[in-house]
Amino acid sequence: MRASGGTVTTPVEEPAAGRNCYRVGVRLRDGVAVGLLFNAAALLVAAAEPQDRHSVTLTFVNVPAGNLFSEAGLRVATAAELIQPLGDSDLRFLTEDERRDAAYHRPDRLGDLLFNWFD
């Protein structure tokens, strides 16, 4: 974030009960606040609007300075990708346990599966 003129505004939160990803709050150069999300298992970075820490529905936005994450070898998910409805083809690479979790919790969008509250 510093390379793009932004600042980190919260400590990094590690995955924990109720969240399968790392997250950190940032403020962009123009003053907009964003939460960065990192799914370590998928090497995937996403961004969402700030929210109540207990909310399970994320409002995804595009990752600011996404090219910096790509240059570091991470995949950057766009908001358009993450809001797509979850389909059967999205489940094919999951383990049996992950498929059971998805069947039980029934996330609506791809982003809800990749950055989920049920791990």
PDB file of N, CA and C in Angstrom:
ATOM      1  N   MET A   1       0.817  -1.189   0.000  1.00  0.00           N
ATOM      2  CA  MET A   1       0.000   0.000   0.000  1.00  0.00           C
ATOM      3  C   MET A   1       0.862   1.254   0.000  1.00  0.00           C
ATOM      4  N   ARG A   2       1.964   1.181   0.700  1.00  0.00           N
ATOM      5  CA  ARG A   2       2.836   2.362   0.722  1.00  0.00           C
ATOM      6  C   ARG A   2       3.338   2.705  -0.679  1.00  0.00           C
ATOM      7  N   ALA A   3       3.620   1.663  -1.481  1.00  0.00           N
ATOM      8  CA  ALA A   3       4.116   1.890  -2.838  1.00  0.00           C
ATOM      9  C   ALA A   3       3.090   2.617  -3.701  1.00  0.00           C
ATOM     10  N   SER A   4       1.807   2.469  -3.367  1.00  0.00           N
ATOM     11  CA  SER A   4       0.765   3.124  -4.159  1.00  0.00           C
ATOM     12  C   SER A   4       0.217   4.371  -3.466  1.00  0.00           C
ATOM     13  N   GLY A   5       0.865   4.806  -2.387  1.00  0.00           N
ATOM     14  CA  GLY A   5       0.455   6.019  -1.707  1.00  0.00           C
ATOM     15  C   GLY A   5      -0.591   5.818  -0.632  1.00  0.00           C
ATOM     16  N   GLY A   6      -0.896   4.570  -0.302  1.00  0.00           N
ATOM     17  CA  GLY A   6      -1.880   4.281   0.733  1.00  0.00           C
ATOM     18  C   GLY A   6      -1.218   3.994   2.064  1.00  0.00           C
ATOM     19  N   THR A   7      -2.044   3.761   3.079  1.00  0.00           N
ATOM     20  CA  THR A   7      -1.528   3.425   4.408  1.00  0.00           C
ATOM     21  C   THR A   7      -2.309   2.247   4.972  1.00  0.00           C
ATOM     22  N   VAL A   8      -1.634   1.462   5.769  1.00  0.00           N
ATOM     23  CA  VAL A   8      -2.267   0.365   6.484  1.00  0.00           C
ATOM     24  C   VAL A   8      -2.895   0.956   7.735  1.00  0.00           C
ATOM     25  N   THR A   9      -4.173   0.647   7.994  1.00  0.00           N
ATOM     26  CA  THR A   9      -4.885   1.276   9.102  1.00  0.00           C
ATOM     27  C   THR A   9      -5.264   0.320  10.225  1.00  0.00           C
ATOM     28  N   THR A  10      -5.153  -0.982   9.993  1.00  0.00           N
ATOM     29  CA  THR A  10      -5.470  -1.954  11.041  1.00  0.00           C
ATOM     30  C   THR A  10      -4.384  -3.021  11.082  1.00  0.00           C
ATOM     31  N   PRO A  11      -4.256  -3.679  12.208  1.00  0.00           N
ATOM     32  CA  PRO A  11      -3.325  -4.820  12.230  1.00  0.00           C
ATOM     33  C   PRO A  11      -3.864  -5.935  11.327  1.00  0.00           C
ATOM     34  N   VAL A  12      -2.959  -6.771  10.865  1.00  0.00           N
ATOM     35  CA  VAL A  12      -3.362  -7.933  10.078  1.00  0.00           C
ATOM     36  C   VAL A  12      -4.082  -8.911  11.000  1.00  0.00           C
ATOM     37  N   GLU A  13      -5.249  -9.357  10.568  1.00  0.00           N
ATOM     38  CA  GLU A  13      -6.003 -10.367  11.304  1.00  0.00           C
ATOM     39  C   GLU A  13      -5.804 -11.705  10.604  1.00  0.00           C
ATOM     40  N   GLU A  14      -5.359 -12.699  11.349  1.00  0.00           N
ATOM     41  CA  GLU A  14      -5.146 -14.027  10.791  1.00  0.00           C
ATOM     42  C   GLU A  14      -6.472 -14.766  10.686  1.00  0.00           C
ATOM     43  N   PRO A  15      -6.513 -15.820   9.855  1.00  0.00           N
ATOM     44  CA  PRO A  15      -7.720 -16.640   9.808  1.00  0.00           C
ATOM     45  C   PRO A  15      -8.049 -17.139  11.216  1.00  0.00           C
ATOM     46  N   ALA A  16      -9.322 -17.228  11.486  1.00  0.00           N
ATOM     47  CA  ALA A  16      -9.775 -17.662  12.805  1.00  0.00           C
ATOM     48  C   ALA A  16     -11.144 -18.304  12.641  1.00  0.00           C
ATOM     49  N   ALA A  17     -11.685 -18.806  13.720  1.00  0.00           N
ATOM     50  CA  ALA A  17     -13.034 -19.367  13.657  1.00  0.00           C
ATOM     51  C   ALA A  17     -13.964 -18.315  13.069  1.00  0.00           C
ATOM     52  N   GLY A  18     -14.657 -18.689  12.022  1.00  0.00           N
ATOM     53  CA  GLY A  18     -15.565 -17.755  11.376  1.00  0.00           C
ATOM     54  C   GLY A  18     -14.972 -16.966  10.228  1.00  0.00           C
ATOM     55  N   ARG A  19     -13.705 -17.224   9.873  1.00  0.00           N
ATOM     56  CA  ARG A  19     -13.088 -16.517   8.732  1.00  0.00           C
ATOM     57  C   ARG A  19     -11.911 -17.340   8.223  1.00  0.00           C
ATOM     58  N   ASN A  20     -11.883 -17.628   6.943  1.00  0.00           N
ATOM     59  CA  ASN A  20     -10.823 -18.464   6.380  1.00  0.00           C
ATOM     60  C   ASN A  20      -9.689 -17.669   5.735  1.00  0.00           C
ATOM     61  N   CYS A  21      -9.676 -16.353   5.916  1.00  0.00           N
ATOM     62  CA  CYS A  21      -8.668 -15.551   5.228  1.00  0.00           C
ATOM     63  C   CYS A  21      -8.043 -14.529   6.168  1.00  0.00           C
ATOM     64  N   TYR A  22      -6.889 -14.054   5.748  1.00  0.00           N
ATOM     65  CA  TYR A  22      -6.252 -12.922   6.423  1.00  0.00           C
ATOM     66  C   TYR A  22      -6.965 -11.663   5.963  1.00  0.00           C
ATOM     67  N   ARG A  23      -6.976 -10.633   6.788  1.00  0.00           N
ATOM     68  CA  ARG A  23      -7.499  -9.349   6.343  1.00  0.00           C
ATOM     69  C   ARG A  23      -6.765  -8.214   7.047  1.00  0.00           C
ATOM     70  N   VAL A  24      -6.724  -7.101   6.341  1.00  0.00           N
ATOM     71  CA  VAL A  24      -6.091  -5.901   6.867  1.00  0.00           C
ATOM     72  C   VAL A  24      -6.812  -4.691   6.275  1.00  0.00           C
ATOM     73  N   GLY A  25      -6.983  -3.667   7.080  1.00  0.00           N
ATOM     74  CA  GLY A  25      -7.614  -2.441   6.605  1.00  0.00           C
ATOM     75  C   GLY A  25      -6.572  -1.492   6.048  1.00  0.00           C
ATOM     76  N   VAL A  26      -6.916  -0.825   4.960  1.00  0.00           N
ATOM     77  CA  VAL A  26      -6.025   0.161   4.350  1.00  0.00           C
ATOM     78  C   VAL A  26      -6.831   1.402   3.981  1.00  0.00           C
ATOM     79  N   ARG A  27      -6.134   2.507   3.873  1.00  0.00           N
ATOM     80  CA  ARG A  27      -6.730   3.748   3.375  1.00  0.00           C
ATOM     81  C   ARG A  27      -5.933   4.122   2.135  1.00  0.00           C
ATOM     82  N   LEU A  28      -6.639   4.291   1.035  1.00  0.00           N
ATOM     83  CA  LEU A  28      -5.998   4.613  -0.235  1.00  0.00           C
ATOM     84  C   LEU A  28      -5.582   6.075  -0.272  1.00  0.00           C
ATOM     85  N   ARG A  29      -4.780   6.417  -1.242  1.00  0.00           N
ATOM     86  CA  ARG A  29      -4.288   7.782  -1.406  1.00  0.00           C
ATOM     87  C   ARG A  29      -5.423   8.806  -1.429  1.00  0.00           C
ATOM     88  N   ASP A  30      -6.563   8.409  -2.016  1.00  0.00           N
ATOM     89  CA  ASP A  30      -7.699   9.334  -2.101  1.00  0.00           C
ATOM     90  C   ASP A  30      -8.582   9.315  -0.853  1.00  0.00           C
ATOM     91  N   GLY A  31      -8.159   8.586   0.184  1.00  0.00           N
ATOM     92  CA  GLY A  31      -8.882   8.560   1.444  1.00  0.00           C
ATOM     93  C   GLY A  31      -9.915   7.459   1.584  1.00  0.00           C
ATOM     94  N   VAL A  32     -10.143   6.686   0.530  1.00  0.00           N
ATOM     95  CA  VAL A  32     -11.122   5.599   0.582  1.00  0.00           C
ATOM     96  C   VAL A  32     -10.574   4.448   1.427  1.00  0.00           C
ATOM     97  N   ALA A  33     -11.410   3.936   2.331  1.00  0.00           N
ATOM     98  CA  ALA A  33     -11.024   2.800   3.166  1.00  0.00           C
ATOM     99  C   ALA A  33     -11.439   1.506   2.478  1.00  0.00           C
ATOM    100  N   VAL A  34     -10.555   0.503   2.541  1.00  0.00           N
ATOM    101  CA  VAL A  34     -10.784  -0.792   1.909  1.00  0.00           C
ATOM    102  C   VAL A  34     -10.206  -1.869   2.822  1.00  0.00           C
ATOM    103  N   GLY A  35     -10.828  -3.026   2.811  1.00  0.00           N
ATOM    104  CA  GLY A  35     -10.260  -4.185   3.490  1.00  0.00           C
ATOM    105  C   GLY A  35      -9.629  -5.103   2.459  1.00  0.00           C
ATOM    106  N   LEU A  36      -8.361  -5.442   2.649  1.00  0.00           N
ATOM    107  CA  LEU A  36      -7.699  -6.405   1.773  1.00  0.00           C
ATOM    108  C   LEU A  36      -7.839  -7.782   2.389  1.00  0.00           C
ATOM    109  N   LEU A  37      -8.134  -8.768   1.554  1.00  0.00           N
ATOM    110  CA  LEU A  37      -8.340 -10.146   1.988  1.00  0.00           C
ATOM    111  C   LEU A  37      -7.327 -11.037   1.294  1.00  0.00           C
ATOM    112  N   PHE A  38      -6.800 -12.026   2.021  1.00  0.00           N
ATOM    113  CA  PHE A  38      -5.819 -12.945   1.445  1.00  0.00           C
ATOM    114  C   PHE A  38      -6.186 -14.370   1.825  1.00  0.00           C
ATOM    115  N   ASN A  39      -6.497 -15.182   0.821  1.00  0.00           N
ATOM    116  CA  ASN A  39      -6.732 -16.605   1.002  1.00  0.00           C
ATOM    117  C   ASN A  39      -5.400 -17.286   0.706  1.00  0.00           C
ATOM    118  N   ALA A  40      -4.692 -17.687   1.764  1.00  0.00           N
ATOM    119  CA  ALA A  40      -3.342 -18.230   1.611  1.00  0.00           C
ATOM    120  C   ALA A  40      -3.337 -19.552   0.846  1.00  0.00           C
ATOM    121  N   ALA A  41      -4.356 -20.386   1.046  1.00  0.00           N
ATOM    122  CA  ALA A  41      -4.401 -21.677   0.364  1.00  0.00           C
ATOM    123  C   ALA A  41      -4.485 -21.506  -1.147  1.00  0.00           C
ATOM    124  N   ALA A  42      -5.173 -20.473  -1.602  1.00  0.00           N
ATOM    125  CA  ALA A  42      -5.347 -20.225  -3.033  1.00  0.00           C
ATOM    126  C   ALA A  42      -4.394 -19.159  -3.568  1.00  0.00           C
ATOM    127  N   LEU A  43      -3.570 -18.559  -2.699  1.00  0.00           N
ATOM    128  CA  LEU A  43      -2.699 -17.443  -3.084  1.00  0.00           C
ATOM    129  C   LEU A  43      -3.501 -16.365  -3.798  1.00  0.00           C
ATOM    130  N   LEU A  44      -4.649 -16.028  -3.210  1.00  0.00           N
ATOM    131  CA  LEU A  44      -5.615 -15.151  -3.833  1.00  0.00           C
ATOM    132  C   LEU A  44      -5.861 -13.915  -2.978  1.00  0.00           C
ATOM    133  N   VAL A  45      -5.802 -12.751  -3.627  1.00  0.00           N
ATOM    134  CA  VAL A  45      -6.036 -11.468  -2.959  1.00  0.00           C
ATOM    135  C   VAL A  45      -7.342 -10.885  -3.484  1.00  0.00           C
ATOM    136  N   ALA A  46      -8.122 -10.310  -2.576  1.00  0.00           N
ATOM    137  CA  ALA A  46      -9.364  -9.627  -2.942  1.00  0.00           C
ATOM    138  C   ALA A  46      -9.492  -8.389  -2.065  1.00  0.00           C
ATOM    139  N   ALA A  47     -10.493  -7.595  -2.349  1.00  0.00           N
ATOM    140  CA  ALA A  47     -10.758  -6.406  -1.535  1.00  0.00           C
ATOM    141  C   ALA A  47     -12.258  -6.283  -1.329  1.00  0.00           C
ATOM    142  N   ALA A  48     -12.606  -5.687  -0.195  1.00  0.00           N
ATOM    143  CA  ALA A  48     -14.020  -5.481   0.133  1.00  0.00           C
ATOM    144  C   ALA A  48     -14.173  -4.164   0.871  1.00  0.00           C
ATOM    145  N   GLU A  49     -15.383  -3.618   0.801  1.00  0.00           N
ATOM    146  CA  GLU A  49     -15.674  -2.422   1.575  1.00  0.00           C
ATOM    147  C   GLU A  49     -15.561  -2.759   3.057  1.00  0.00           C
ATOM    148  N   PRO A  50     -15.171  -1.784   3.868  1.00  0.00           N
ATOM    149  CA  PRO A  50     -15.128  -2.037   5.313  1.00  0.00           C
ATOM    150  C   PRO A  50     -16.516  -2.459   5.808  1.00  0.00           C
ATOM    151  N   GLN A  51     -16.526  -3.298   6.816  1.00  0.00           N
ATOM    152  CA  GLN A  51     -17.788  -3.807   7.333  1.00  0.00           C
ATOM    153  C   GLN A  51     -17.660  -4.106   8.813  1.00  0.00           C
ATOM    154  N   ASP A  52     -18.782  -4.357   9.421  1.00  0.00           N
ATOM    155  CA  ASP A  52     -18.790  -4.829  10.796  1.00  0.00           C
ATOM    156  C   ASP A  52     -18.019  -6.143  10.849  1.00  0.00           C
ATOM    157  N   ARG A  53     -17.198  -6.326  11.850  1.00  0.00           N
ATOM    158  CA  ARG A  53     -16.336  -7.516  11.907  1.00  0.00           C
ATOM    159  C   ARG A  53     -17.119  -8.819  11.972  1.00  0.00           C
ATOM    160  N   HIS A  54     -18.384  -8.790  12.336  1.00  0.00           N
ATOM    161  CA  HIS A  54     -19.166 -10.014  12.456  1.00  0.00           C
ATOM    162  C   HIS A  54     -20.087 -10.247  11.255  1.00  0.00           C
ATOM    163  N   SER A  55     -20.076  -9.337  10.304  1.00  0.00           N
ATOM    164  CA  SER A  55     -20.893  -9.491   9.111  1.00  0.00           C
ATOM    165  C   SER A  55     -20.304 -10.595   8.234  1.00  0.00           C
ATOM    166  N   VAL A  56     -21.172 -11.407   7.626  1.00  0.00           N
ATOM    167  CA  VAL A  56     -20.676 -12.497   6.792  1.00  0.00           C
ATOM    168  C   VAL A  56     -20.770 -12.192   5.305  1.00  0.00           C
ATOM    169  N   THR A  57     -21.516 -11.172   4.923  1.00  0.00           N
ATOM    170  CA  THR A  57     -21.661 -10.836   3.514  1.00  0.00           C
ATOM    171  C   THR A  57     -20.730  -9.683   3.171  1.00  0.00           C
ATOM    172  N   LEU A  58     -19.800  -9.963   2.281  1.00  0.00           N
ATOM    173  CA  LEU A  58     -18.831  -8.956   1.866  1.00  0.00           C
ATOM    174  C   LEU A  58     -19.319  -8.211   0.634  1.00  0.00           C
ATOM    175  N   THR A  59     -19.011  -6.929   0.570  1.00  0.00           N
ATOM    176  CA  THR A  59     -19.234  -6.138  -0.635  1.00  0.00           C
ATOM    177  C   THR A  59     -17.876  -6.015  -1.307  1.00  0.00           C
ATOM    178  N   PHE A  60     -17.651  -6.843  -2.305  1.00  0.00           N
ATOM    179  CA  PHE A  60     -16.351  -6.903  -2.962  1.00  0.00           C
ATOM    180  C   PHE A  60     -16.137  -5.679  -3.848  1.00  0.00           C
ATOM    181  N   VAL A  61     -14.894  -5.224  -3.882  1.00  0.00           N
ATOM    182  CA  VAL A  61     -14.457  -4.145  -4.761  1.00  0.00           C
ATOM    183  C   VAL A  61     -13.171  -4.611  -5.431  1.00  0.00           C
ATOM    184  N   ASN A  62     -12.738  -3.902  -6.450  1.00  0.00           N
ATOM    185  CA  ASN A  62     -11.478  -4.272  -7.100  1.00  0.00           C
ATOM    186  C   ASN A  62     -10.306  -3.947  -6.197  1.00  0.00           C
ATOM    187  N   VAL A  63      -9.286  -4.772  -6.276  1.00  0.00           N
ATOM    188  CA  VAL A  63      -8.095  -4.616  -5.448  1.00  0.00           C
ATOM    189  C   VAL A  63      -7.308  -3.401  -5.921  1.00  0.00           C
ATOM    190  N   PRO A  64      -7.079  -2.438  -5.032  1.00  0.00           N
ATOM    191  CA  PRO A  64      -6.269  -1.283  -5.423  1.00  0.00           C
ATOM    192  C   PRO A  64      -4.819  -1.716  -5.645  1.00  0.00           C
ATOM    193  N   ALA A  65      -4.205  -1.178  -6.656  1.00  0.00           N
ATOM    194  CA  ALA A  65      -2.808  -1.506  -6.991  1.00  0.00           C
ATOM    195  C   ALA A  65      -2.628  -3.008  -7.140  1.00  0.00           C
ATOM    196  N   GLY A  66      -3.599  -3.650  -7.775  1.00  0.00           N
ATOM    197  CA  GLY A  66      -3.565  -5.102  -7.942  1.00  0.00           C
ATOM    198  C   GLY A  66      -2.316  -5.606  -8.641  1.00  0.00           C
ATOM    199  N   ASN A  67      -1.760  -4.793  -9.508  1.00  0.00           N
ATOM    200  CA  ASN A  67      -0.542  -5.208 -10.220  1.00  0.00           C
ATOM    201  C   ASN A  67       0.614  -5.490  -9.265  1.00  0.00           C
ATOM    202  N   LEU A  68       0.675  -4.793  -8.138  1.00  0.00           N
ATOM    203  CA  LEU A  68       1.751  -5.038  -7.172  1.00  0.00           C
ATOM    204  C   LEU A  68       1.632  -6.434  -6.566  1.00  0.00           C
ATOM    205  N   PHE A  69       0.405  -6.893  -6.342  1.00  0.00           N
ATOM    206  CA  PHE A  69       0.191  -8.244  -5.815  1.00  0.00           C
ATOM    207  C   PHE A  69       0.509  -9.287  -6.887  1.00  0.00           C
ATOM    208  N   SER A  70       0.117  -9.007  -8.127  1.00  0.00           N
ATOM    209  CA  SER A  70       0.416  -9.926  -9.231  1.00  0.00           C
ATOM    210  C   SER A  70       1.919 -10.082  -9.418  1.00  0.00           C
ATOM    211  N   GLU A  71       2.643  -8.978  -9.321  1.00  0.00           N
ATOM    212  CA  GLU A  71       4.101  -9.028  -9.463  1.00  0.00           C
ATOM    213  C   GLU A  71       4.742  -9.849  -8.356  1.00  0.00           C
ATOM    214  N   ALA A  72       4.068  -9.968  -7.223  1.00  0.00           N
ATOM    215  CA  ALA A  72       4.574 -10.775  -6.100  1.00  0.00           C
ATOM    216  C   ALA A  72       4.163 -12.238  -6.237  1.00  0.00           C
ATOM    217  N   GLY A  73       3.496 -12.590  -7.348  1.00  0.00           N
ATOM    218  CA  GLY A  73       3.128 -13.979  -7.593  1.00  0.00           C
ATOM    219  C   GLY A  73       1.761 -14.378  -7.069  1.00  0.00           C
ATOM    220  N   LEU A  74       0.949 -13.414  -6.660  1.00  0.00           N
ATOM    221  CA  LEU A  74      -0.388 -13.707  -6.153  1.00  0.00           C
ATOM    222  C   LEU A  74      -1.424 -13.485  -7.253  1.00  0.00           C
ATOM    223  N   ARG A  75      -2.523 -14.194  -7.154  1.00  0.00           N
ATOM    224  CA  ARG A  75      -3.631 -13.981  -8.076  1.00  0.00           C
ATOM    225  C   ARG A  75      -4.549 -12.930  -7.473  1.00  0.00           C
ATOM    226  N   VAL A  76      -4.979 -12.009  -8.281  1.00  0.00           N
ATOM    227  CA  VAL A  76      -5.849 -10.926  -7.827  1.00  0.00           C
ATOM    228  C   VAL A  76      -7.253 -11.179  -8.381  1.00  0.00           C
ATOM    229  N   ALA A  77      -8.209 -11.293  -7.479  1.00  0.00           N
ATOM    230  CA  ALA A  77      -9.600 -11.514  -7.876  1.00  0.00           C
ATOM    231  C   ALA A  77     -10.300 -10.172  -8.060  1.00  0.00           C
ATOM    232  N   THR A  78     -11.035 -10.040  -9.133  1.00  0.00           N
ATOM    233  CA  THR A  78     -11.798  -8.812  -9.362  1.00  0.00           C
ATOM    234  C   THR A  78     -13.165  -8.929  -8.675  1.00  0.00           C
ATOM    235  N   ALA A  79     -13.764  -7.792  -8.425  1.00  0.00           N
ATOM    236  CA  ALA A  79     -15.106  -7.785  -7.839  1.00  0.00           C
ATOM    237  C   ALA A  79     -16.083  -8.518  -8.761  1.00  0.00           C
ATOM    238  N   ALA A  80     -15.951  -8.336 -10.062  1.00  0.00           N
ATOM    239  CA  ALA A  80     -16.854  -8.993 -11.015  1.00  0.00           C
ATOM    240  C   ALA A  80     -16.751 -10.517 -10.919  1.00  0.00           C
ATOM    241  N   GLU A  81     -15.555 -11.042 -10.739  1.00  0.00           N
ATOM    242  CA  GLU A  81     -15.387 -12.491 -10.582  1.00  0.00           C
ATOM    243  C   GLU A  81     -16.037 -12.984  -9.287  1.00  0.00           C
ATOM    244  N   LEU A  82     -15.827 -12.237  -8.222  1.00  0.00           N
ATOM    245  CA  LEU A  82     -16.255 -12.692  -6.902  1.00  0.00           C
ATOM    246  C   LEU A  82     -17.766 -12.625  -6.691  1.00  0.00           C
ATOM    247  N   ILE A  83     -18.452 -11.784  -7.443  1.00  0.00           N
ATOM    248  CA  ILE A  83     -19.908 -11.697  -7.267  1.00  0.00           C
ATOM    249  C   ILE A  83     -20.663 -12.646  -8.195  1.00  0.00           C
ATOM    250  N   GLN A  84     -19.937 -13.413  -8.996  1.00  0.00           N
ATOM    251  CA  GLN A  84     -20.599 -14.383  -9.877  1.00  0.00           C
ATOM    252  C   GLN A  84     -21.300 -15.446  -9.038  1.00  0.00           C
ATOM    253  N   PRO A  85     -22.475 -15.902  -9.478  1.00  0.00           N
ATOM    254  CA  PRO A  85     -23.150 -16.980  -8.756  1.00  0.00           C
ATOM    255  C   PRO A  85     -22.267 -18.227  -8.714  1.00  0.00           C
ATOM    256  N   LEU A  86     -22.309 -18.914  -7.605  1.00  0.00           N
ATOM    257  CA  LEU A  86     -21.520 -20.135  -7.433  1.00  0.00           C
ATOM    258  C   LEU A  86     -22.129 -21.250  -8.270  1.00  0.00           C
ATOM    259  N   GLY A  87     -21.296 -21.920  -9.047  1.00  0.00           N
ATOM    260  CA  GLY A  87     -21.764 -23.018  -9.900  1.00  0.00           C
ATOM    261  C   GLY A  87     -21.077 -24.321  -9.548  1.00  0.00           C
ATOM    262  N   ASP A  88     -21.602 -25.406 -10.068  1.00  0.00           N
ATOM    263  CA  ASP A  88     -21.025 -26.725  -9.805  1.00  0.00           C
ATOM    264  C   ASP A  88     -19.565 -26.804 -10.229  1.00  0.00           C
ATOM    265  N   SER A  89     -19.209 -26.130 -11.328  1.00  0.00           N
ATOM    266  CA  SER A  89     -17.820 -26.185 -11.805  1.00  0.00           C
ATOM    267  C   SER A  89     -16.862 -25.531 -10.812  1.00  0.00           C
ATOM    268  N   ASP A  90     -17.370 -24.628  -9.959  1.00  0.00           N
ATOM    269  CA  ASP A  90     -16.521 -23.976  -8.957  1.00  0.00           C
ATOM    270  C   ASP A  90     -16.177 -24.916  -7.814  1.00  0.00           C
ATOM    271  N   LEU A  91     -16.894 -26.005  -7.688  1.00  0.00           N
ATOM    272  CA  LEU A  91     -16.703 -26.921  -6.571  1.00  0.00           C
ATOM    273  C   LEU A  91     -15.791 -28.101  -6.906  1.00  0.00           C
ATOM    274  N   ARG A  92     -15.425 -28.252  -8.158  1.00  0.00           N
ATOM    275  CA  ARG A  92     -14.716 -29.464  -8.585  1.00  0.00           C
ATOM    276  C   ARG A  92     -13.342 -29.650  -7.951  1.00  0.00           C
ATOM    277  N   PHE A  93     -12.679 -28.582  -7.538  1.00  0.00           N
ATOM    278  CA  PHE A  93     -11.344 -28.725  -6.964  1.00  0.00           C
ATOM    279  C   PHE A  93     -11.346 -28.767  -5.438  1.00  0.00           C
ATOM    280  N   LEU A  94     -12.536 -28.757  -4.839  1.00  0.00           N
ATOM    281  CA  LEU A  94     -12.630 -28.777  -3.383  1.00  0.00           C
ATOM    282  C   LEU A  94     -12.460 -30.194  -2.850  1.00  0.00           C
ATOM    283  N   THR A  95     -11.991 -30.289  -1.623  1.00  0.00           N
ATOM    284  CA  THR A  95     -11.940 -31.586  -0.958  1.00  0.00           C
ATOM    285  C   THR A  95     -13.363 -32.005  -0.594  1.00  0.00           C
ATOM    286  N   GLU A  96     -13.524 -33.245  -0.217  1.00  0.00           N
ATOM    287  CA  GLU A  96     -14.848 -33.726   0.173  1.00  0.00           C
ATOM    288  C   GLU A  96     -15.392 -32.935   1.367  1.00  0.00           C
ATOM    289  N   ASP A  97     -14.534 -32.655   2.350  1.00  0.00           N
ATOM    290  CA  ASP A  97     -14.964 -31.855   3.504  1.00  0.00           C
ATOM    291  C   ASP A  97     -15.403 -30.457   3.080  1.00  0.00           C
ATOM    292  N   GLU A  98     -14.649 -29.841   2.172  1.00  0.00           N
ATOM    293  CA  GLU A  98     -15.006 -28.505   1.692  1.00  0.00           C
ATOM    294  C   GLU A  98     -16.329 -28.527   0.925  1.00  0.00           C
ATOM    295  N   ARG A  99     -16.543 -29.593   0.152  1.00  0.00           N
ATOM    296  CA  ARG A  99     -17.814 -29.725  -0.569  1.00  0.00           C
ATOM    297  C   ARG A  99     -18.987 -29.862   0.405  1.00  0.00           C
ATOM    298  N   ARG A 100     -18.777 -30.616   1.470  1.00  0.00           N
ATOM    299  CA  ARG A 100     -19.829 -30.760   2.479  1.00  0.00           C
ATOM    300  C   ARG A 100     -20.136 -29.413   3.134  1.00  0.00           C
ATOM    301  N   ASP A 101     -19.076 -28.651   3.458  1.00  0.00           N
ATOM    302  CA  ASP A 101     -19.283 -27.313   4.034  1.00  0.00           C
ATOM    303  C   ASP A 101     -20.080 -26.429   3.082  1.00  0.00           C
ATOM    304  N   ALA A 102     -19.707 -26.456   1.810  1.00  0.00           N
ATOM    305  CA  ALA A 102     -20.402 -25.630   0.819  1.00  0.00           C
ATOM    306  C   ALA A 102     -21.859 -26.076   0.673  1.00  0.00           C
ATOM    307  N   ALA A 103     -22.102 -27.385   0.697  1.00  0.00           N
ATOM    308  CA  ALA A 103     -23.476 -27.885   0.587  1.00  0.00           C
ATOM    309  C   ALA A 103     -24.297 -27.479   1.805  1.00  0.00           C
ATOM    310  N   TYR A 104     -23.679 -27.485   2.956  1.00  0.00           N
ATOM    311  CA  TYR A 104     -24.394 -27.133   4.180  1.00  0.00           C
ATOM    312  C   TYR A 104     -24.678 -25.624   4.266  1.00  0.00           C
ATOM    313  N   HIS A 105     -23.636 -24.807   4.006  1.00  0.00           N
ATOM    314  CA  HIS A 105     -23.772 -23.351   4.169  1.00  0.00           C
ATOM    315  C   HIS A 105     -24.362 -22.659   2.950  1.00  0.00           C
ATOM    316  N   ARG A 106     -24.266 -23.297   1.789  1.00  0.00           N
ATOM    317  CA  ARG A 106     -24.829 -22.796   0.544  1.00  0.00           C
ATOM    318  C   ARG A 106     -24.472 -21.345   0.223  1.00  0.00           C
ATOM    319  N   PRO A 107     -23.187 -21.049   0.066  1.00  0.00           N
ATOM    320  CA  PRO A 107     -22.821 -19.680  -0.335  1.00  0.00           C
ATOM    321  C   PRO A 107     -23.385 -19.377  -1.722  1.00  0.00           C
ATOM    322  N   ASP A 108     -23.828 -18.149  -1.907  1.00  0.00           N
ATOM    323  CA  ASP A 108     -24.457 -17.760  -3.173  1.00  0.00           C
ATOM    324  C   ASP A 108     -23.455 -17.392  -4.258  1.00  0.00           C
ATOM    325  N   ARG A 109     -22.346 -16.774  -3.849  1.00  0.00           N
ATOM    326  CA  ARG A 109     -21.400 -16.226  -4.832  1.00  0.00           C
ATOM    327  C   ARG A 109     -20.043 -16.912  -4.701  1.00  0.00           C
ATOM    328  N   LEU A 110     -19.269 -16.876  -5.760  1.00  0.00           N
ATOM    329  CA  LEU A 110     -17.935 -17.460  -5.749  1.00  0.00           C
ATOM    330  C   LEU A 110     -17.099 -16.845  -4.635  1.00  0.00           C
ATOM    331  N   GLY A 111     -17.184 -15.536  -4.461  1.00  0.00           N
ATOM    332  CA  GLY A 111     -16.413 -14.862  -3.409  1.00  0.00           C
ATOM    333  C   GLY A 111     -16.791 -15.324  -2.018  1.00  0.00           C
ATOM    334  N   ASP A 112     -18.070 -15.690  -1.830  1.00  0.00           N
ATOM    335  CA  ASP A 112     -18.514 -16.181  -0.528  1.00  0.00           C
ATOM    336  C   ASP A 112     -17.905 -17.545  -0.214  1.00  0.00           C
ATOM    337  N   LEU A 113     -17.568 -18.300  -1.232  1.00  0.00           N
ATOM    338  CA  LEU A 113     -16.888 -19.574  -1.038  1.00  0.00           C
ATOM    339  C   LEU A 113     -15.399 -19.368  -0.786  1.00  0.00           C
ATOM    340  N   LEU A 114     -14.777 -18.505  -1.594  1.00  0.00           N
ATOM    341  CA  LEU A 114     -13.329 -18.297  -1.486  1.00  0.00           C
ATOM    342  C   LEU A 114     -12.924 -17.523  -0.237  1.00  0.00           C
ATOM    343  N   PHE A 115     -13.774 -16.626   0.220  1.00  0.00           N
ATOM    344  CA  PHE A 115     -13.517 -15.821   1.424  1.00  0.00           C
ATOM    345  C   PHE A 115     -14.703 -16.037   2.350  1.00  0.00           C
ATOM    346  N   ASN A 116     -14.675 -17.188   3.047  1.00  0.00           N
ATOM    347  CA  ASN A 116     -15.886 -17.604   3.739  1.00  0.00           C
ATOM    348  C   ASN A 116     -15.826 -17.485   5.241  1.00  0.00           C
ATOM    349  N   TRP A 117     -16.984 -17.627   5.842  1.00  0.00           N
ATOM    350  CA  TRP A 117     -17.206 -17.506   7.278  1.00  0.00           C
ATOM    351  C   TRP A 117     -17.384 -18.856   7.947  1.00  0.00           C
ATOM    352  N   PHE A 118     -17.373 -19.937   7.165  1.00  0.00           N
ATOM    353  CA  PHE A 118     -17.707 -21.235   7.741  1.00  0.00           C
ATOM    354  C   PHE A 118     -16.521 -22.160   7.920  1.00  0.00           C
ATOM    355  N   ASP A 119     -15.316 -21.694   7.759  1.00  0.00           N
ATOM    356  CA  ASP A 119     -14.142 -22.534   8.026  1.00  0.00           C
ATOM    357  C   ASP A 119     -13.862 -22.591   9.505  1.00  0.00           C
TER     358      ASP A 119
END
